[in-house]
Amino acid sequence: MNMTLIEQIKEAFENVEYPGDMNLVENIQDFESHKMFQVLKGKDWRDITDDIAGDWRMSLPLLTNMGFHYFLPAFMLASLGEDKYEVGTFLVYRLEPPTDKSELAEFHTRMGEFNKSQASAIYKYLKSIADYVEELDPNYLKEALDFWKQAST
């Protein structure tokens, strides 16, 4: 495990403020979103366990832009160990630009929350998981790497 990457992720996201309970999920009336809200409300991203990240990896799209920005480092860190839940694979899909051009504006808005230091940590994270993320189309990873490399400069 690359300790410098872990340190870089922690440092890049250390000052991101908790978005507030009402800014965690897009639609709190939705059953799955409400369950996710109950799990994450009031939590510091540093307190999200690998098990929580694994349980909620497929629900990342339910987070608001601010919620995604705040909790992303927890999911990144959870995938750097054993990653028994394959969190890394789900993150690549969330971090790569969509192929559907009609979704690009929303993607850029969501990813616009990240500063250059955070974008650099995301880029290095994606590079580090490239060799062990199974069942992943290499084109997805390349597109994600290209996007975050540019965002970090």
Protein backbone atom coordinates (compact mmCIF):
# COMPACT_ATOMS: atom_id res chain seq x y z
CA MET A 1 0.00 0.00 0.00
CA ASN A 2 1.34 3.40 -0.92
CA MET A 3 1.47 5.48 2.26
CA THR A 4 2.31 8.66 0.38
CA LEU A 5 -0.90 8.32 -1.64
CA ILE A 6 -2.93 7.82 1.54
CA GLU A 7 -1.29 10.89 3.05
CA GLN A 8 -1.91 12.89 -0.14
CA ILE A 9 -5.61 11.99 -0.15
CA LYS A 10 -6.00 12.86 3.52
CA GLU A 11 -4.14 16.15 3.11
CA ALA A 12 -5.99 17.18 -0.07
CA PHE A 13 -9.39 16.68 1.57
CA GLU A 14 -8.62 17.63 5.17
CA ASN A 15 -10.25 21.05 4.97
CA VAL A 16 -13.38 20.10 3.04
CA GLU A 17 -16.28 21.14 5.24
CA TYR A 18 -19.17 18.87 6.06
CA PRO A 19 -21.94 19.98 3.68
CA GLY A 20 -24.68 19.85 6.32
CA ASP A 21 -27.25 17.14 6.81
CA MET A 22 -29.69 18.54 4.28
CA ASN A 23 -27.00 18.67 1.57
CA LEU A 24 -25.97 15.01 1.63
CA VAL A 25 -28.40 13.30 -0.75
CA GLU A 26 -30.31 14.56 -3.77
CA ASN A 27 -33.76 13.31 -2.79
CA ILE A 28 -34.27 12.49 0.86
CA GLN A 29 -37.81 11.27 0.08
CA ASP A 30 -36.38 8.41 -1.98
CA PHE A 31 -36.16 5.24 0.14
CA GLU A 32 -32.55 4.35 -0.73
CA SER A 33 -31.42 7.98 -0.43
CA HIS A 34 -33.06 8.24 2.98
CA LYS A 35 -31.26 5.10 4.15
CA MET A 36 -27.95 6.52 2.91
CA PHE A 37 -28.74 9.81 4.63
CA GLN A 38 -29.32 7.98 7.92
CA VAL A 39 -25.94 6.26 7.64
CA LEU A 40 -23.93 9.36 6.67
CA LYS A 41 -25.61 12.25 8.49
CA GLY A 42 -23.33 13.99 10.93
CA LYS A 43 -20.37 11.77 10.07
CA ASP A 44 -16.86 12.92 9.36
CA TRP A 45 -15.54 11.30 6.18
CA ARG A 46 -12.59 10.00 8.21
CA ASP A 47 -15.02 7.88 10.25
CA ILE A 48 -16.45 6.00 7.27
CA THR A 49 -15.34 2.39 7.61
CA ASP A 50 -14.46 0.07 4.75
CA ASP A 51 -17.70 -1.79 5.47
CA ILE A 52 -19.82 1.37 5.17
CA ALA A 53 -18.02 2.32 1.94
CA GLY A 54 -18.56 -1.20 0.62
CA ASP A 55 -22.23 -1.23 1.53
CA TRP A 56 -22.90 2.14 -0.14
CA ARG A 57 -20.51 2.04 -3.13
CA MET A 58 -23.32 1.59 -5.66
CA SER A 59 -25.31 4.47 -4.14
CA LEU A 60 -22.72 7.18 -4.79
CA PRO A 61 -24.95 8.78 -7.48
CA LEU A 62 -27.52 9.52 -4.75
CA LEU A 63 -25.16 12.02 -3.10
CA THR A 64 -25.36 15.71 -3.90
CA ASN A 65 -22.30 17.28 -5.50
CA MET A 66 -21.24 18.55 -2.06
CA GLY A 67 -21.89 15.17 -0.46
CA PHE A 68 -19.87 13.39 -3.14
CA HIS A 69 -17.03 15.89 -2.75
CA TYR A 70 -17.02 15.45 1.01
CA PHE A 71 -17.22 11.65 1.21
CA LEU A 72 -15.13 10.70 -1.85
CA PRO A 73 -11.85 10.41 0.10
CA ALA A 74 -13.42 7.84 2.44
CA PHE A 75 -14.39 5.68 -0.52
CA MET A 76 -10.97 6.13 -2.13
CA LEU A 77 -9.17 5.11 1.05
CA ALA A 78 -11.47 2.13 1.57
CA SER A 79 -10.50 0.76 -1.83
CA LEU A 80 -6.75 0.99 -1.27
CA GLY A 81 -6.60 -1.94 1.12
CA GLU A 82 -8.04 -5.36 0.52
CA ASP A 83 -11.05 -3.79 -1.26
CA LYS A 84 -13.22 -6.83 -0.68
CA TYR A 85 -16.22 -4.81 -1.89
CA GLU A 86 -14.60 -3.66 -5.15
CA VAL A 87 -15.17 -0.02 -4.23
CA GLY A 88 -12.39 1.02 -6.64
CA THR A 89 -14.29 -0.29 -9.65
CA PHE A 90 -17.37 1.73 -8.76
CA LEU A 91 -15.27 4.84 -8.18
CA VAL A 92 -13.72 4.63 -11.64
CA TYR A 93 -17.21 4.65 -13.16
CA ARG A 94 -18.16 7.67 -11.05
CA LEU A 95 -14.92 9.52 -11.86
CA GLU A 96 -14.79 9.03 -15.61
CA PRO A 97 -16.50 11.38 -18.05
CA PRO A 98 -19.78 9.98 -19.41
CA THR A 99 -19.90 8.78 -22.98
CA ASP A 100 -23.37 10.32 -23.36
CA LYS A 101 -22.65 13.94 -24.30
CA SER A 102 -25.94 15.06 -22.74
CA GLU A 103 -24.53 14.11 -19.32
CA LEU A 104 -21.25 16.02 -19.69
CA ALA A 105 -22.46 19.32 -18.24
CA GLU A 106 -23.74 17.61 -15.09
CA PHE A 107 -20.47 15.66 -14.79
CA HIS A 108 -18.39 18.85 -15.10
CA THR A 109 -20.55 20.58 -12.50
CA ARG A 110 -20.13 17.68 -10.08
CA MET A 111 -16.39 17.38 -10.64
CA GLY A 112 -15.97 21.15 -10.54
CA GLU A 113 -16.21 20.91 -6.74
CA PHE A 114 -12.63 19.58 -6.61
CA ASN A 115 -9.59 21.86 -6.42
CA LYS A 116 -6.26 21.09 -8.15
CA SER A 117 -4.79 19.39 -5.08
CA GLN A 118 -7.81 17.12 -4.81
CA ALA A 119 -7.79 16.46 -8.56
CA SER A 120 -4.12 15.49 -8.29
CA ALA A 121 -4.92 13.06 -5.45
CA ILE A 122 -7.75 11.57 -7.52
CA TYR A 123 -5.46 11.21 -10.55
CA LYS A 124 -2.75 9.46 -8.50
CA TYR A 125 -5.39 7.28 -6.86
CA LEU A 126 -6.71 6.17 -10.26
CA LYS A 127 -3.18 5.42 -11.46
CA SER A 128 -2.52 3.35 -8.34
CA ILE A 129 -5.60 1.16 -8.74
CA ALA A 130 -5.20 0.66 -12.50
CA ASP A 131 -3.41 -2.66 -12.13
CA TYR A 132 -5.81 -4.35 -9.77
CA VAL A 133 -9.26 -3.14 -10.71
CA GLU A 134 -10.79 -6.22 -12.25
CA GLU A 135 -13.51 -6.43 -14.87
CA LEU A 136 -12.94 -2.87 -15.97
CA ASP A 137 -12.80 -1.73 -19.57
CA PRO A 138 -9.35 -0.08 -19.97
CA ASN A 139 -11.00 2.71 -21.96
CA TYR A 140 -12.97 3.81 -18.88
CA LEU A 141 -9.81 4.07 -16.86
CA LYS A 142 -7.95 5.92 -19.64
CA GLU A 143 -10.76 8.47 -19.96
CA ALA A 144 -10.82 8.98 -16.20
CA LEU A 145 -7.04 9.34 -16.04
CA ASP A 146 -7.01 11.82 -18.92
CA PHE A 147 -9.73 13.93 -17.30
CA TRP A 148 -8.12 14.05 -13.83
CA LYS A 149 -4.62 14.62 -15.19
CA GLN A 150 -5.89 17.70 -16.99
CA ALA A 151 -7.93 18.83 -13.97
CA SER A 152 -4.87 18.62 -11.73
CA THR A 153 -2.72 20.95 -13.85
